[in-house]
């Protein structure tokens, strides 16, 4: 997964400017990559993360889409 794919998933999971998304993970490396991509999107000002929950088989994200470009 890359940053653009994650942003598209967030855009498709949004309700207004809020989003809630659960991303399946297979390995600890997947989890680390997702966390890194989310932090990068936050630094760029595209999202504001409210909740990041690491579950056994997935990562749950909840937040606000601050800026969306096509």
PDB file of N, CA and C in Angstrom:
ATOM      1  N   UNK A   1       0.841  -1.162   0.000  1.00  0.00           N
ATOM      2  CA  UNK A   1       0.000   0.000   0.000  1.00  0.00           C
ATOM      3  C   UNK A   1       0.899   1.241   0.000  1.00  0.00           C
ATOM      4  N   UNK A   2       0.469   2.240  -0.748  1.00  0.00           N
ATOM      5  CA  UNK A   2       1.198   3.499  -0.754  1.00  0.00           C
ATOM      6  C   UNK A   2       0.278   4.626  -0.275  1.00  0.00           C
ATOM      7  N   UNK A   3       0.829   5.819  -0.178  1.00  0.00           N
ATOM      8  CA  UNK A   3       0.101   6.960   0.378  1.00  0.00           C
ATOM      9  C   UNK A   3      -1.138   7.306  -0.454  1.00  0.00           C
ATOM     10  N   UNK A   4      -1.034   7.248  -1.772  1.00  0.00           N
ATOM     11  CA  UNK A   4      -2.155   7.589  -2.638  1.00  0.00           C
ATOM     12  C   UNK A   4      -3.309   6.591  -2.471  1.00  0.00           C
ATOM     13  N   UNK A   5      -2.978   5.306  -2.370  1.00  0.00           N
ATOM     14  CA  UNK A   5      -4.015   4.282  -2.184  1.00  0.00           C
ATOM     15  C   UNK A   5      -4.708   4.458  -0.839  1.00  0.00           C
ATOM     16  N   UNK A   6      -3.939   4.769   0.200  1.00  0.00           N
ATOM     17  CA  UNK A   6      -4.526   4.991   1.520  1.00  0.00           C
ATOM     18  C   UNK A   6      -5.448   6.196   1.491  1.00  0.00           C
ATOM     19  N   UNK A   7      -5.031   7.280   0.855  1.00  0.00           N
ATOM     20  CA  UNK A   7      -5.868   8.475   0.768  1.00  0.00           C
ATOM     21  C   UNK A   7      -7.152   8.183   0.002  1.00  0.00           C
ATOM     22  N   UNK A   8      -7.077   7.400  -1.069  1.00  0.00           N
ATOM     23  CA  UNK A   8      -8.285   7.027  -1.821  1.00  0.00           C
ATOM     24  C   UNK A   8      -9.231   6.187  -0.963  1.00  0.00           C
ATOM     25  N   UNK A   9      -8.690   5.269  -0.153  1.00  0.00           N
ATOM     26  CA  UNK A   9      -9.519   4.477   0.749  1.00  0.00           C
ATOM     27  C   UNK A   9     -10.215   5.377   1.762  1.00  0.00           C
ATOM     28  N   UNK A  10      -9.479   6.342   2.293  1.00  0.00           N
ATOM     29  CA  UNK A  10     -10.054   7.281   3.257  1.00  0.00           C
ATOM     30  C   UNK A  10     -11.161   8.101   2.601  1.00  0.00           C
ATOM     31  N   UNK A  11     -10.918   8.562   1.377  1.00  0.00           N
ATOM     32  CA  UNK A  11     -11.914   9.350   0.664  1.00  0.00           C
ATOM     33  C   UNK A  11     -13.181   8.547   0.400  1.00  0.00           C
ATOM     34  N   UNK A  12     -13.035   7.263   0.114  1.00  0.00           N
ATOM     35  CA  UNK A  12     -14.210   6.439  -0.164  1.00  0.00           C
ATOM     36  C   UNK A  12     -14.950   6.036   1.111  1.00  0.00           C
ATOM     37  N   UNK A  13     -14.302   6.168   2.273  1.00  0.00           N
ATOM     38  CA  UNK A  13     -14.908   5.777   3.550  1.00  0.00           C
ATOM     39  C   UNK A  13     -15.395   6.985   4.340  1.00  0.00           C
ATOM     40  N   UNK A  14     -15.478   8.144   3.703  1.00  0.00           N
ATOM     41  CA  UNK A  14     -15.829   9.334   4.472  1.00  0.00           C
ATOM     42  C   UNK A  14     -17.329   9.618   4.458  1.00  0.00           C
ATOM     43  N   UNK A  15     -17.765  10.289   5.497  1.00  0.00           N
ATOM     44  CA  UNK A  15     -19.149  10.742   5.651  1.00  0.00           C
ATOM     45  C   UNK A  15     -19.037  12.220   5.984  1.00  0.00           C
ATOM     46  N   UNK A  16     -19.321  13.087   5.023  1.00  0.00           N
ATOM     47  CA  UNK A  16     -19.038  14.500   5.228  1.00  0.00           C
ATOM     48  C   UNK A  16     -17.541  14.678   5.212  1.00  0.00           C
ATOM     49  N   UNK A  17     -17.004  15.277   6.256  1.00  0.00           N
ATOM     50  CA  UNK A  17     -15.546  15.387   6.322  1.00  0.00           C
ATOM     51  C   UNK A  17     -14.944  14.412   7.340  1.00  0.00           C
ATOM     52  N   UNK A  18     -15.751  13.533   7.916  1.00  0.00           N
ATOM     53  CA  UNK A  18     -15.271  12.509   8.844  1.00  0.00           C
ATOM     54  C   UNK A  18     -15.055  11.194   8.113  1.00  0.00           C
ATOM     55  N   UNK A  19     -14.070  10.435   8.554  1.00  0.00           N
ATOM     56  CA  UNK A  19     -13.867   9.105   7.982  1.00  0.00           C
ATOM     57  C   UNK A  19     -13.647   8.085   9.085  1.00  0.00           C
ATOM     58  N   UNK A  20     -14.001   6.862   8.776  1.00  0.00           N
ATOM     59  CA  UNK A  20     -13.790   5.731   9.667  1.00  0.00           C
ATOM     60  C   UNK A  20     -13.423   4.553   8.776  1.00  0.00           C
ATOM     61  N   UNK A  21     -12.278   3.942   9.045  1.00  0.00           N
ATOM     62  CA  UNK A  21     -11.757   2.930   8.137  1.00  0.00           C
ATOM     63  C   UNK A  21     -11.031   1.851   8.917  1.00  0.00           C
ATOM     64  N   UNK A  22     -11.262   0.608   8.537  1.00  0.00           N
ATOM     65  CA  UNK A  22     -10.537  -0.518   9.128  1.00  0.00           C
ATOM     66  C   UNK A  22      -9.740  -1.185   8.012  1.00  0.00           C
ATOM     67  N   UNK A  23      -8.432  -1.260   8.196  1.00  0.00           N
ATOM     68  CA  UNK A  23      -7.538  -1.798   7.173  1.00  0.00           C
ATOM     69  C   UNK A  23      -6.965  -3.122   7.675  1.00  0.00           C
ATOM     70  N   UNK A  24      -7.190  -4.209   6.926  1.00  0.00           N
ATOM     71  CA  UNK A  24      -6.623  -5.495   7.348  1.00  0.00           C
ATOM     72  C   UNK A  24      -5.095  -5.481   7.255  1.00  0.00           C
ATOM     73  N   UNK A  25      -4.459  -6.201   8.169  1.00  0.00           N
ATOM     74  CA  UNK A  25      -2.998  -6.310   8.152  1.00  0.00           C
ATOM     75  C   UNK A  25      -2.626  -7.779   8.280  1.00  0.00           C
ATOM     76  N   UNK A  26      -1.500  -8.140   7.697  1.00  0.00           N
ATOM     77  CA  UNK A  26      -1.023  -9.519   7.760  1.00  0.00           C
ATOM     78  C   UNK A  26       0.185  -9.662   8.673  1.00  0.00           C
ATOM     79  N   UNK A  27       1.019  -8.630   8.702  1.00  0.00           N
ATOM     80  CA  UNK A  27       2.251  -8.698   9.475  1.00  0.00           C
ATOM     81  C   UNK A  27       2.461  -7.409  10.271  1.00  0.00           C
ATOM     82  N   UNK A  28       3.427  -7.457  11.166  1.00  0.00           N
ATOM     83  CA  UNK A  28       3.807  -6.273  11.930  1.00  0.00           C
ATOM     84  C   UNK A  28       4.352  -5.199  10.985  1.00  0.00           C
ATOM     85  N   UNK A  29       4.993  -5.625   9.913  1.00  0.00           N
ATOM     86  CA  UNK A  29       5.519  -4.697   8.912  1.00  0.00           C
ATOM     87  C   UNK A  29       4.385  -3.914   8.244  1.00  0.00           C
ATOM     88  N   UNK A  30       3.259  -4.596   7.946  1.00  0.00           N
ATOM     89  CA  UNK A  30       2.081  -3.922   7.386  1.00  0.00           C
ATOM     90  C   UNK A  30       1.596  -2.834   8.336  1.00  0.00           C
ATOM     91  N   UNK A  31       1.531  -3.164   9.608  1.00  0.00           N
ATOM     92  CA  UNK A  31       1.075  -2.222  10.629  1.00  0.00           C
ATOM     93  C   UNK A  31       1.985  -0.997  10.687  1.00  0.00           C
ATOM     94  N   UNK A  32       3.286  -1.218  10.655  1.00  0.00           N
ATOM     95  CA  UNK A  32       4.247  -0.114  10.687  1.00  0.00           C
ATOM     96  C   UNK A  32       4.131   0.765   9.451  1.00  0.00           C
ATOM     97  N   UNK A  33       3.918   0.150   8.283  1.00  0.00           N
ATOM     98  CA  UNK A  33       3.777   0.904   7.034  1.00  0.00           C
ATOM     99  C   UNK A  33       2.525   1.766   7.068  1.00  0.00           C
ATOM    100  N   UNK A  34       1.419   1.216   7.549  1.00  0.00           N
ATOM    101  CA  UNK A  34       0.170   1.974   7.647  1.00  0.00           C
ATOM    102  C   UNK A  34       0.357   3.162   8.580  1.00  0.00           C
ATOM    103  N   UNK A  35       0.989   2.932   9.717  1.00  0.00           N
ATOM    104  CA  UNK A  35       1.222   4.005  10.684  1.00  0.00           C
ATOM    105  C   UNK A  35       2.096   5.105  10.066  1.00  0.00           C
ATOM    106  N   UNK A  36       3.113   4.713   9.335  1.00  0.00           N
ATOM    107  CA  UNK A  36       4.004   5.676   8.686  1.00  0.00           C
ATOM    108  C   UNK A  36       3.246   6.514   7.648  1.00  0.00           C
ATOM    109  N   UNK A  37       2.403   5.868   6.851  1.00  0.00           N
ATOM    110  CA  UNK A  37       1.635   6.570   5.823  1.00  0.00           C
ATOM    111  C   UNK A  37       0.632   7.542   6.447  1.00  0.00           C
ATOM    112  N   UNK A  38      -0.010   7.124   7.528  1.00  0.00           N
ATOM    113  CA  UNK A  38      -0.970   7.989   8.210  1.00  0.00           C
ATOM    114  C   UNK A  38      -0.273   9.226   8.766  1.00  0.00           C
ATOM    115  N   UNK A  39       0.882   9.042   9.372  1.00  0.00           N
ATOM    116  CA  UNK A  39       1.640  10.183   9.907  1.00  0.00           C
ATOM    117  C   UNK A  39       2.049  11.144   8.794  1.00  0.00           C
ATOM    118  N   UNK A  40       2.415  10.585   7.650  1.00  0.00           N
ATOM    119  CA  UNK A  40       2.800  11.423   6.516  1.00  0.00           C
ATOM    120  C   UNK A  40       1.620  12.241   6.013  1.00  0.00           C
ATOM    121  N   UNK A  41       0.441  11.627   5.918  1.00  0.00           N
ATOM    122  CA  UNK A  41      -0.761  12.351   5.497  1.00  0.00           C
ATOM    123  C   UNK A  41      -1.116  13.457   6.493  1.00  0.00           C
ATOM    124  N   UNK A  42      -0.896  13.197   7.778  1.00  0.00           N
ATOM    125  CA  UNK A  42      -1.144  14.223   8.795  1.00  0.00           C
ATOM    126  C   UNK A  42      -0.163  15.388   8.640  1.00  0.00           C
ATOM    127  N   UNK A  43       1.097  15.084   8.436  1.00  0.00           N
ATOM    128  CA  UNK A  43       2.111  16.141   8.260  1.00  0.00           C
ATOM    129  C   UNK A  43       1.796  17.016   7.051  1.00  0.00           C
ATOM    130  N   UNK A  44       1.270  16.398   5.996  1.00  0.00           N
ATOM    131  CA  UNK A  44       0.929  17.131   4.780  1.00  0.00           C
ATOM    132  C   UNK A  44      -0.353  17.932   4.943  1.00  0.00           C
ATOM    133  N   UNK A  45      -1.074  17.729   6.038  1.00  0.00           N
ATOM    134  CA  UNK A  45      -2.291  18.485   6.295  1.00  0.00           C
ATOM    135  C   UNK A  45      -3.520  17.961   5.566  1.00  0.00           C
ATOM    136  N   UNK A  46      -3.481  16.718   5.104  1.00  0.00           N
ATOM    137  CA  UNK A  46      -4.623  16.161   4.385  1.00  0.00           C
ATOM    138  C   UNK A  46      -5.645  15.538   5.315  1.00  0.00           C
ATOM    139  N   UNK A  47      -5.192  15.014   6.454  1.00  0.00           N
ATOM    140  CA  UNK A  47      -6.111  14.425   7.427  1.00  0.00           C
ATOM    141  C   UNK A  47      -5.726  14.872   8.830  1.00  0.00           C
ATOM    142  N   UNK A  48      -6.685  14.746   9.740  1.00  0.00           N
ATOM    143  CA  UNK A  48      -6.448  14.938  11.172  1.00  0.00           C
ATOM    144  C   UNK A  48      -6.952  13.662  11.830  1.00  0.00           C
ATOM    145  N   UNK A  49      -6.046  12.895  12.380  1.00  0.00           N
ATOM    146  CA  UNK A  49      -6.394  11.614  12.971  1.00  0.00           C
ATOM    147  C   UNK A  49      -6.910  11.809  14.392  1.00  0.00           C
ATOM    148  N   UNK A  50      -8.069  11.252  14.676  1.00  0.00           N
ATOM    149  CA  UNK A  50      -8.634  11.302  16.019  1.00  0.00           C
ATOM    150  C   UNK A  50      -8.362  10.020  16.783  1.00  0.00           C
ATOM    151  N   UNK A  51      -8.377   8.908  16.062  1.00  0.00           N
ATOM    152  CA  UNK A  51      -8.212   7.610  16.719  1.00  0.00           C
ATOM    153  C   UNK A  51      -7.432   6.666  15.813  1.00  0.00           C
ATOM    154  N   UNK A  52      -6.474   5.966  16.403  1.00  0.00           N
ATOM    155  CA  UNK A  52      -5.668   4.961  15.712  1.00  0.00           C
ATOM    156  C   UNK A  52      -5.606   3.760  16.638  1.00  0.00           C
ATOM    157  N   UNK A  53      -6.266   2.667  16.254  1.00  0.00           N
ATOM    158  CA  UNK A  53      -6.341   1.491  17.117  1.00  0.00           C
ATOM    159  C   UNK A  53      -5.725   0.306  16.381  1.00  0.00           C
ATOM    160  N   UNK A  54      -4.721  -0.304  17.013  1.00  0.00           N
ATOM    161  CA  UNK A  54      -4.095  -1.490  16.448  1.00  0.00           C
ATOM    162  C   UNK A  54      -4.818  -2.711  17.010  1.00  0.00           C
ATOM    163  N   UNK A  55      -5.485  -3.424  16.126  1.00  0.00           N
ATOM    164  CA  UNK A  55      -6.185  -4.641  16.526  1.00  0.00           C
ATOM    165  C   UNK A  55      -5.377  -5.847  16.075  1.00  0.00           C
ATOM    166  N   UNK A  56      -5.848  -7.008  16.448  1.00  0.00           N
ATOM    167  CA  UNK A  56      -5.089  -8.232  16.151  1.00  0.00           C
ATOM    168  C   UNK A  56      -4.878  -8.439  14.648  1.00  0.00           C
ATOM    169  N   UNK A  57      -5.929  -8.240  13.860  1.00  0.00           N
ATOM    170  CA  UNK A  57      -5.836  -8.494  12.426  1.00  0.00           C
ATOM    171  C   UNK A  57      -6.080  -7.263  11.562  1.00  0.00           C
ATOM    172  N   UNK A  58      -6.184  -6.089  12.180  1.00  0.00           N
ATOM    173  CA  UNK A  58      -6.455  -4.883  11.409  1.00  0.00           C
ATOM    174  C   UNK A  58      -5.995  -3.641  12.165  1.00  0.00           C
ATOM    175  N   UNK A  59      -6.062  -2.521  11.456  1.00  0.00           N
ATOM    176  CA  UNK A  59      -5.787  -1.218  12.038  1.00  0.00           C
ATOM    177  C   UNK A  59      -7.019  -0.360  11.785  1.00  0.00           C
ATOM    178  N   UNK A  60      -7.559   0.254  12.840  1.00  0.00           N
ATOM    179  CA  UNK A  60      -8.750   1.090  12.741  1.00  0.00           C
ATOM    180  C   UNK A  60      -8.340   2.554  12.779  1.00  0.00           C
ATOM    181  N   UNK A  61      -8.818   3.322  11.804  1.00  0.00           N
ATOM    182  CA  UNK A  61      -8.528   4.745  11.715  1.00  0.00           C
ATOM    183  C   UNK A  61      -9.831   5.532  11.767  1.00  0.00           C
ATOM    184  N   UNK A  62      -9.822   6.636  12.500  1.00  0.00           N
ATOM    185  CA  UNK A  62     -10.982   7.514  12.584  1.00  0.00           C
ATOM    186  C   UNK A  62     -10.458   8.945  12.629  1.00  0.00           C
ATOM    187  N   UNK A  63     -11.006   9.813  11.801  1.00  0.00           N
ATOM    188  CA  UNK A  63     -10.526  11.189  11.809  1.00  0.00           C
ATOM    189  C   UNK A  63     -11.281  12.097  10.873  1.00  0.00           C
ATOM    190  N   UNK A  64     -10.635  13.202  10.517  1.00  0.00           N
ATOM    191  CA  UNK A  64     -11.233  14.243   9.697  1.00  0.00           C
ATOM    192  C   UNK A  64     -10.389  14.417   8.438  1.00  0.00           C
ATOM    193  N   UNK A  65     -11.060  14.523   7.298  1.00  0.00           N
ATOM    194  CA  UNK A  65     -10.377  14.858   6.053  1.00  0.00           C
ATOM    195  C   UNK A  65     -10.294  16.378   6.014  1.00  0.00           C
ATOM    196  N   UNK A  66      -9.080  16.911   6.041  1.00  0.00           N
ATOM    197  CA  UNK A  66      -8.888  18.360   6.085  1.00  0.00           C
ATOM    198  C   UNK A  66      -8.818  18.967   4.693  1.00  0.00           C
ATOM    199  N   UNK A  67      -8.217  18.262   3.769  1.00  0.00           N
ATOM    200  CA  UNK A  67      -8.053  18.771   2.410  1.00  0.00           C
ATOM    201  C   UNK A  67      -8.064  17.580   1.478  1.00  0.00           C
ATOM    202  N   UNK A  68      -8.932  17.648   0.469  1.00  0.00           N
ATOM    203  CA  UNK A  68      -9.022  16.554  -0.482  1.00  0.00           C
ATOM    204  C   UNK A  68      -8.820  17.124  -1.879  1.00  0.00           C
ATOM    205  N   UNK A  69      -7.845  16.605  -2.585  1.00  0.00           N
ATOM    206  CA  UNK A  69      -7.635  17.015  -3.966  1.00  0.00           C
ATOM    207  C   UNK A  69      -7.887  15.821  -4.869  1.00  0.00           C
ATOM    208  N   UNK A  70      -8.365  16.079  -6.066  1.00  0.00           N
ATOM    209  CA  UNK A  70      -8.669  15.005  -7.008  1.00  0.00           C
ATOM    210  C   UNK A  70      -7.455  14.564  -7.777  1.00  0.00           C
TER     211      UNK A  70
END
